[in-house]
Amino acid sequence: MYESKPLPSLAKSIVTGAIGFCVVSLCVFATVAFAERWMYQNLGMFGSYIAWIVLLILLSGAVFGSLVVGRWRLPQFYLLWTLAFFGYAAAWMVAYFTLGSTKGELVGALAGSILMALVIATRST
């Protein structure tokens, strides 16, 4: 028989999410810092961005997924997280490539965050 693990506390969830996503971000951004040129040459710009998106989804999903309780919740969570993060990434890239540099990053982060929140809010009910 399958036993569900107990719900994590709010404090544990916040610490796990914050520290975990920070570590994930540092790992992914390290590939930007040290392998960006190689990735652009071998994967192209679009392929590089897709690789970074997939890395962020897989690694952050593992961190956030550790907080998921209940049988079969992890696959459902990964699907929702993937949809939400692809929405964020798409909005960010459109804003960044349309508006450029800092303005595009800021607009993209805001629009992407709103889209991500909408996907999670509509799918998690």
N, C-alpha and C. Protein backbone atom coordinates (compact mmCIF):
# COMPACT_ATOMS: atom_id res chain seq x y z
N MET A 1 0.86 -1.18 0.00
CA MET A 1 0.00 0.00 0.00
C MET A 1 0.90 1.24 0.00
N TYR A 2 0.47 2.26 -0.70
CA TYR A 2 1.23 3.50 -0.83
C TYR A 2 0.89 4.41 0.34
N GLU A 3 1.92 4.93 1.00
CA GLU A 3 1.71 5.88 2.07
C GLU A 3 2.18 7.26 1.62
N SER A 4 1.35 8.22 1.84
CA SER A 4 1.68 9.59 1.45
C SER A 4 2.59 10.20 2.50
N LYS A 5 3.58 10.97 2.03
CA LYS A 5 4.43 11.66 2.98
C LYS A 5 3.67 12.87 3.54
N PRO A 6 4.04 13.33 4.72
CA PRO A 6 3.31 14.47 5.31
C PRO A 6 3.55 15.76 4.52
N LEU A 7 2.61 16.66 4.62
CA LEU A 7 2.75 17.97 3.97
C LEU A 7 3.93 18.71 4.57
N PRO A 8 4.77 19.30 3.73
CA PRO A 8 5.88 20.09 4.28
C PRO A 8 5.33 21.39 4.88
N SER A 9 6.03 21.90 5.86
CA SER A 9 5.61 23.16 6.48
C SER A 9 5.84 24.30 5.49
N LEU A 10 5.19 25.42 5.78
CA LEU A 10 5.37 26.61 4.94
C LEU A 10 6.83 27.03 4.95
N ALA A 11 7.46 27.03 6.13
CA ALA A 11 8.86 27.44 6.23
C ALA A 11 9.75 26.52 5.39
N LYS A 12 9.54 25.20 5.48
CA LYS A 12 10.34 24.26 4.70
C LYS A 12 10.11 24.48 3.20
N SER A 13 8.88 24.72 2.82
CA SER A 13 8.57 24.96 1.41
C SER A 13 9.27 26.21 0.89
N ILE A 14 9.24 27.27 1.67
CA ILE A 14 9.88 28.52 1.25
C ILE A 14 11.38 28.35 1.16
N VAL A 15 11.98 27.74 2.17
CA VAL A 15 13.43 27.54 2.16
C VAL A 15 13.84 26.61 1.02
N THR A 16 13.14 25.51 0.85
CA THR A 16 13.46 24.57 -0.23
C THR A 16 13.32 25.25 -1.58
N GLY A 17 12.22 25.96 -1.79
CA GLY A 17 11.99 26.65 -3.06
C GLY A 17 13.01 27.74 -3.32
N ALA A 18 13.26 28.57 -2.33
CA ALA A 18 14.17 29.71 -2.52
C ALA A 18 15.61 29.26 -2.73
N ILE A 19 16.10 28.44 -1.83
CA ILE A 19 17.49 27.98 -1.96
C ILE A 19 17.64 27.06 -3.16
N GLY A 20 16.68 26.17 -3.34
CA GLY A 20 16.74 25.24 -4.46
C GLY A 20 16.73 25.95 -5.80
N PHE A 21 15.83 26.91 -5.97
CA PHE A 21 15.77 27.61 -7.25
C PHE A 21 17.00 28.49 -7.45
N CYS A 22 17.56 29.01 -6.37
CA CYS A 22 18.80 29.78 -6.46
C CYS A 22 19.93 28.89 -6.98
N VAL A 23 20.07 27.69 -6.43
CA VAL A 23 21.11 26.76 -6.88
C VAL A 23 20.87 26.35 -8.34
N VAL A 24 19.62 26.06 -8.67
CA VAL A 24 19.29 25.70 -10.05
C VAL A 24 19.65 26.84 -11.00
N SER A 25 19.26 28.05 -10.64
CA SER A 25 19.56 29.22 -11.48
C SER A 25 21.06 29.40 -11.66
N LEU A 26 21.81 29.24 -10.58
CA LEU A 26 23.27 29.37 -10.68
C LEU A 26 23.86 28.31 -11.61
N CYS A 27 23.35 27.10 -11.53
CA CYS A 27 23.83 26.03 -12.42
C CYS A 27 23.54 26.36 -13.88
N VAL A 28 22.32 26.79 -14.16
CA VAL A 28 21.95 27.10 -15.55
C VAL A 28 22.70 28.33 -16.04
N PHE A 29 22.79 29.36 -15.20
CA PHE A 29 23.50 30.56 -15.63
C PHE A 29 24.99 30.31 -15.78
N ALA A 30 25.53 29.30 -15.10
CA ALA A 30 26.93 28.93 -15.30
C ALA A 30 27.14 28.42 -16.72
N THR A 31 26.14 27.72 -17.25
CA THR A 31 26.27 27.26 -18.64
C THR A 31 26.23 28.46 -19.60
N VAL A 32 25.51 29.49 -19.23
CA VAL A 32 25.50 30.71 -20.05
C VAL A 32 26.88 31.36 -19.97
N ALA A 33 27.42 31.48 -18.77
CA ALA A 33 28.70 32.15 -18.58
C ALA A 33 29.86 31.40 -19.23
N PHE A 34 29.86 30.07 -19.14
CA PHE A 34 31.01 29.31 -19.59
C PHE A 34 30.83 28.59 -20.92
N ALA A 35 29.59 28.42 -21.37
CA ALA A 35 29.37 27.64 -22.60
C ALA A 35 28.51 28.35 -23.63
N GLU A 36 28.19 29.61 -23.40
CA GLU A 36 27.29 30.32 -24.31
C GLU A 36 27.82 30.31 -25.74
N ARG A 37 29.07 30.64 -25.94
CA ARG A 37 29.64 30.69 -27.30
C ARG A 37 29.54 29.32 -27.97
N TRP A 38 29.95 28.27 -27.23
CA TRP A 38 29.87 26.92 -27.77
C TRP A 38 28.44 26.53 -28.11
N MET A 39 27.50 26.87 -27.22
CA MET A 39 26.10 26.52 -27.45
C MET A 39 25.55 27.26 -28.67
N TYR A 40 25.85 28.55 -28.80
CA TYR A 40 25.39 29.28 -29.97
C TYR A 40 25.96 28.69 -31.26
N GLN A 41 27.23 28.30 -31.24
CA GLN A 41 27.86 27.74 -32.44
C GLN A 41 27.29 26.37 -32.79
N ASN A 42 26.98 25.56 -31.79
CA ASN A 42 26.54 24.19 -32.05
C ASN A 42 25.03 23.99 -32.02
N LEU A 43 24.32 24.80 -31.27
CA LEU A 43 22.87 24.66 -31.17
C LEU A 43 22.11 25.81 -31.81
N GLY A 44 22.81 26.89 -32.12
CA GLY A 44 22.15 28.10 -32.61
C GLY A 44 21.53 28.85 -31.44
N MET A 45 21.07 30.05 -31.72
CA MET A 45 20.48 30.84 -30.65
C MET A 45 19.20 30.19 -30.13
N PHE A 46 18.31 29.78 -31.03
CA PHE A 46 17.05 29.18 -30.62
C PHE A 46 17.29 27.88 -29.84
N GLY A 47 18.18 27.04 -30.34
CA GLY A 47 18.50 25.78 -29.67
C GLY A 47 19.10 26.01 -28.29
N SER A 48 19.94 27.03 -28.16
CA SER A 48 20.53 27.36 -26.86
C SER A 48 19.46 27.76 -25.86
N TYR A 49 18.54 28.62 -26.29
CA TYR A 49 17.47 29.04 -25.38
C TYR A 49 16.58 27.86 -25.00
N ILE A 50 16.30 26.98 -25.94
CA ILE A 50 15.50 25.79 -25.63
C ILE A 50 16.24 24.92 -24.62
N ALA A 51 17.55 24.75 -24.81
CA ALA A 51 18.34 23.94 -23.86
C ALA A 51 18.29 24.55 -22.47
N TRP A 52 18.42 25.86 -22.37
CA TRP A 52 18.37 26.51 -21.05
C TRP A 52 16.98 26.37 -20.43
N ILE A 53 15.94 26.49 -21.24
CA ILE A 53 14.58 26.31 -20.72
C ILE A 53 14.39 24.89 -20.19
N VAL A 54 14.83 23.91 -20.96
CA VAL A 54 14.68 22.51 -20.54
C VAL A 54 15.48 22.26 -19.26
N LEU A 55 16.70 22.79 -19.18
CA LEU A 55 17.48 22.64 -17.95
C LEU A 55 16.76 23.25 -16.75
N LEU A 56 16.24 24.45 -16.93
CA LEU A 56 15.52 25.10 -15.83
C LEU A 56 14.28 24.29 -15.43
N ILE A 57 13.54 23.78 -16.40
CA ILE A 57 12.34 23.00 -16.09
C ILE A 57 12.71 21.73 -15.34
N LEU A 58 13.68 20.98 -15.85
CA LEU A 58 14.04 19.71 -15.22
C LEU A 58 14.61 19.90 -13.82
N LEU A 59 15.57 20.82 -13.69
CA LEU A 59 16.22 21.00 -12.39
C LEU A 59 15.30 21.65 -11.36
N SER A 60 14.58 22.70 -11.76
CA SER A 60 13.68 23.35 -10.80
C SER A 60 12.48 22.46 -10.50
N GLY A 61 12.04 21.69 -11.49
CA GLY A 61 10.95 20.75 -11.24
C GLY A 61 11.34 19.72 -10.20
N ALA A 62 12.60 19.28 -10.25
CA ALA A 62 13.08 18.33 -9.23
C ALA A 62 13.07 18.96 -7.85
N VAL A 63 13.48 20.23 -7.77
CA VAL A 63 13.48 20.92 -6.47
C VAL A 63 12.05 21.09 -5.97
N PHE A 64 11.19 21.69 -6.79
CA PHE A 64 9.82 21.94 -6.36
C PHE A 64 9.04 20.64 -6.22
N GLY A 65 9.35 19.66 -7.06
CA GLY A 65 8.69 18.37 -6.99
C GLY A 65 8.94 17.64 -5.69
N SER A 66 10.06 17.96 -5.03
CA SER A 66 10.34 17.34 -3.74
C SER A 66 9.33 17.75 -2.68
N LEU A 67 8.59 18.80 -2.95
CA LEU A 67 7.57 19.27 -2.01
C LEU A 67 6.19 18.69 -2.31
N VAL A 68 6.06 18.00 -3.43
CA VAL A 68 4.78 17.45 -3.85
C VAL A 68 4.47 16.19 -3.04
N VAL A 69 3.23 16.10 -2.56
CA VAL A 69 2.80 14.92 -1.81
C VAL A 69 1.65 14.24 -2.55
N GLY A 70 1.50 12.97 -2.32
CA GLY A 70 0.40 12.24 -2.92
C GLY A 70 0.83 11.42 -4.12
N ARG A 71 0.18 10.30 -4.29
CA ARG A 71 0.49 9.40 -5.39
C ARG A 71 0.16 10.03 -6.73
N TRP A 72 1.05 9.88 -7.67
CA TRP A 72 0.94 10.38 -9.05
C TRP A 72 0.90 11.90 -9.15
N ARG A 73 1.19 12.58 -8.07
CA ARG A 73 1.20 14.05 -8.12
C ARG A 73 2.42 14.60 -8.83
N LEU A 74 3.56 13.89 -8.73
CA LEU A 74 4.77 14.40 -9.36
C LEU A 74 4.66 14.49 -10.88
N PRO A 75 4.17 13.47 -11.58
CA PRO A 75 4.00 13.63 -13.04
C PRO A 75 3.04 14.76 -13.40
N GLN A 76 1.97 14.91 -12.64
CA GLN A 76 1.02 16.00 -12.88
C GLN A 76 1.69 17.34 -12.63
N PHE A 77 2.48 17.41 -11.57
CA PHE A 77 3.20 18.65 -11.26
C PHE A 77 4.17 19.01 -12.39
N TYR A 78 4.95 18.02 -12.86
CA TYR A 78 5.92 18.29 -13.93
C TYR A 78 5.22 18.78 -15.19
N LEU A 79 4.09 18.23 -15.52
CA LEU A 79 3.35 18.70 -16.69
C LEU A 79 2.91 20.15 -16.50
N LEU A 80 2.34 20.45 -15.35
CA LEU A 80 1.90 21.82 -15.07
C LEU A 80 3.09 22.78 -15.05
N TRP A 81 4.18 22.39 -14.39
CA TRP A 81 5.36 23.23 -14.29
C TRP A 81 5.95 23.48 -15.68
N THR A 82 5.96 22.47 -16.53
CA THR A 82 6.48 22.61 -17.89
C THR A 82 5.63 23.59 -18.69
N LEU A 83 4.32 23.45 -18.62
CA LEU A 83 3.44 24.39 -19.33
C LEU A 83 3.64 25.82 -18.84
N ALA A 84 3.68 25.98 -17.52
CA ALA A 84 3.83 27.31 -16.94
C ALA A 84 5.18 27.92 -17.30
N PHE A 85 6.24 27.13 -17.22
CA PHE A 85 7.56 27.67 -17.50
C PHE A 85 7.75 27.97 -18.97
N PHE A 86 7.21 27.14 -19.86
CA PHE A 86 7.28 27.45 -21.28
C PHE A 86 6.51 28.75 -21.58
N GLY A 87 5.40 28.97 -20.89
CA GLY A 87 4.68 30.23 -21.04
C GLY A 87 5.54 31.41 -20.61
N TYR A 88 6.19 31.26 -19.46
CA TYR A 88 7.09 32.31 -18.98
C TYR A 88 8.20 32.57 -19.99
N ALA A 89 8.83 31.49 -20.43
CA ALA A 89 9.97 31.62 -21.34
C ALA A 89 9.55 32.25 -22.67
N ALA A 90 8.41 31.87 -23.19
CA ALA A 90 7.93 32.43 -24.45
C ALA A 90 7.68 33.93 -24.31
N ALA A 91 7.00 34.32 -23.23
CA ALA A 91 6.73 35.75 -23.02
C ALA A 91 8.03 36.52 -22.84
N TRP A 92 8.97 35.95 -22.09
CA TRP A 92 10.25 36.62 -21.87
C TRP A 92 11.01 36.80 -23.18
N MET A 93 11.08 35.74 -23.98
CA MET A 93 11.83 35.83 -25.23
C MET A 93 11.20 36.80 -26.22
N VAL A 94 9.87 36.81 -26.31
CA VAL A 94 9.21 37.76 -27.21
C VAL A 94 9.53 39.18 -26.78
N ALA A 95 9.40 39.47 -25.49
CA ALA A 95 9.69 40.82 -25.01
C ALA A 95 11.16 41.18 -25.21
N TYR A 96 12.05 40.25 -24.88
CA TYR A 96 13.49 40.53 -24.98
C TYR A 96 13.91 40.76 -26.43
N PHE A 97 13.45 39.92 -27.33
CA PHE A 97 13.88 40.06 -28.72
C PHE A 97 13.15 41.20 -29.44
N THR A 98 12.02 41.63 -28.90
CA THR A 98 11.30 42.76 -29.48
C THR A 98 11.82 44.09 -28.95
N LEU A 99 11.98 44.18 -27.63
CA LEU A 99 12.36 45.44 -26.99
C LEU A 99 13.86 45.56 -26.74
N GLY A 100 14.55 44.44 -26.64
CA GLY A 100 15.99 44.45 -26.41
C GLY A 100 16.39 44.66 -24.96
N SER A 101 17.57 44.29 -24.67
CA SER A 101 18.30 44.38 -23.40
C SER A 101 17.45 44.57 -22.15
N THR A 102 17.75 45.59 -21.38
CA THR A 102 17.15 45.75 -20.05
C THR A 102 15.64 45.92 -20.08
N LYS A 103 15.15 46.76 -20.96
CA LYS A 103 13.70 46.97 -21.05
C LYS A 103 12.99 45.66 -21.41
N GLY A 104 13.51 44.92 -22.35
CA GLY A 104 12.94 43.64 -22.74
C GLY A 104 12.98 42.63 -21.62
N GLU A 105 14.09 42.61 -20.87
CA GLU A 105 14.21 41.69 -19.74
C GLU A 105 13.16 42.00 -18.67
N LEU A 106 12.98 43.28 -18.37
CA LEU A 106 12.01 43.67 -17.34
C LEU A 106 10.58 43.38 -17.77
N VAL A 107 10.23 43.79 -18.98
CA VAL A 107 8.88 43.53 -19.48
C VAL A 107 8.65 42.03 -19.60
N GLY A 108 9.66 41.31 -20.09
CA GLY A 108 9.56 39.86 -20.22
C GLY A 108 9.38 39.16 -18.89
N ALA A 109 10.12 39.59 -17.89
CA ALA A 109 9.99 38.98 -16.56
C ALA A 109 8.60 39.23 -15.98
N LEU A 110 8.09 40.43 -16.16
CA LEU A 110 6.76 40.75 -15.65
C LEU A 110 5.68 39.99 -16.41
N ALA A 111 5.72 40.07 -17.73
CA ALA A 111 4.71 39.38 -18.55
C ALA A 111 4.81 37.87 -18.36
N GLY A 112 6.04 37.35 -18.33
CA GLY A 112 6.23 35.92 -18.12
C GLY A 112 5.72 35.45 -16.77
N SER A 113 5.97 36.22 -15.75
CA SER A 113 5.50 35.86 -14.40
C SER A 113 3.98 35.85 -14.33
N ILE A 114 3.35 36.82 -14.97
CA ILE A 114 1.89 36.86 -14.99
C ILE A 114 1.34 35.66 -15.74
N LEU A 115 1.93 35.34 -16.90
CA LEU A 115 1.47 34.19 -17.67
C LEU A 115 1.69 32.89 -16.90
N MET A 116 2.84 32.77 -16.24
CA MET A 116 3.11 31.57 -15.43
C MET A 116 2.08 31.43 -14.32
N ALA A 117 1.79 32.52 -13.63
CA ALA A 117 0.81 32.49 -12.54
C ALA A 117 -0.57 32.11 -13.07
N LEU A 118 -0.93 32.64 -14.23
CA LEU A 118 -2.24 32.30 -14.82
C LEU A 118 -2.33 30.81 -15.17
N VAL A 119 -1.28 30.27 -15.74
CA VAL A 119 -1.27 28.84 -16.08
C VAL A 119 -1.41 28.00 -14.82
N ILE A 120 -0.62 28.33 -13.80
CA ILE A 120 -0.70 27.55 -12.56
C ILE A 120 -2.04 27.70 -11.89
N ALA A 121 -2.56 28.93 -11.85
CA ALA A 121 -3.85 29.16 -11.19
C ALA A 121 -5.00 28.45 -11.89
N THR A 122 -4.98 28.44 -13.21
CA THR A 122 -6.10 27.82 -13.94
C THR A 122 -6.02 26.30 -13.97
N ARG A 123 -4.81 25.77 -13.89
CA ARG A 123 -4.62 24.31 -13.99
C ARG A 123 -4.59 23.61 -12.63
N SER A 124 -4.40 24.33 -11.57
CA SER A 124 -4.23 23.68 -10.27
C SER A 124 -5.52 23.62 -9.47
N THR A 125 -6.60 24.04 -10.04
CA THR A 125 -7.87 23.99 -9.29
C THR A 125 -8.61 22.69 -9.54
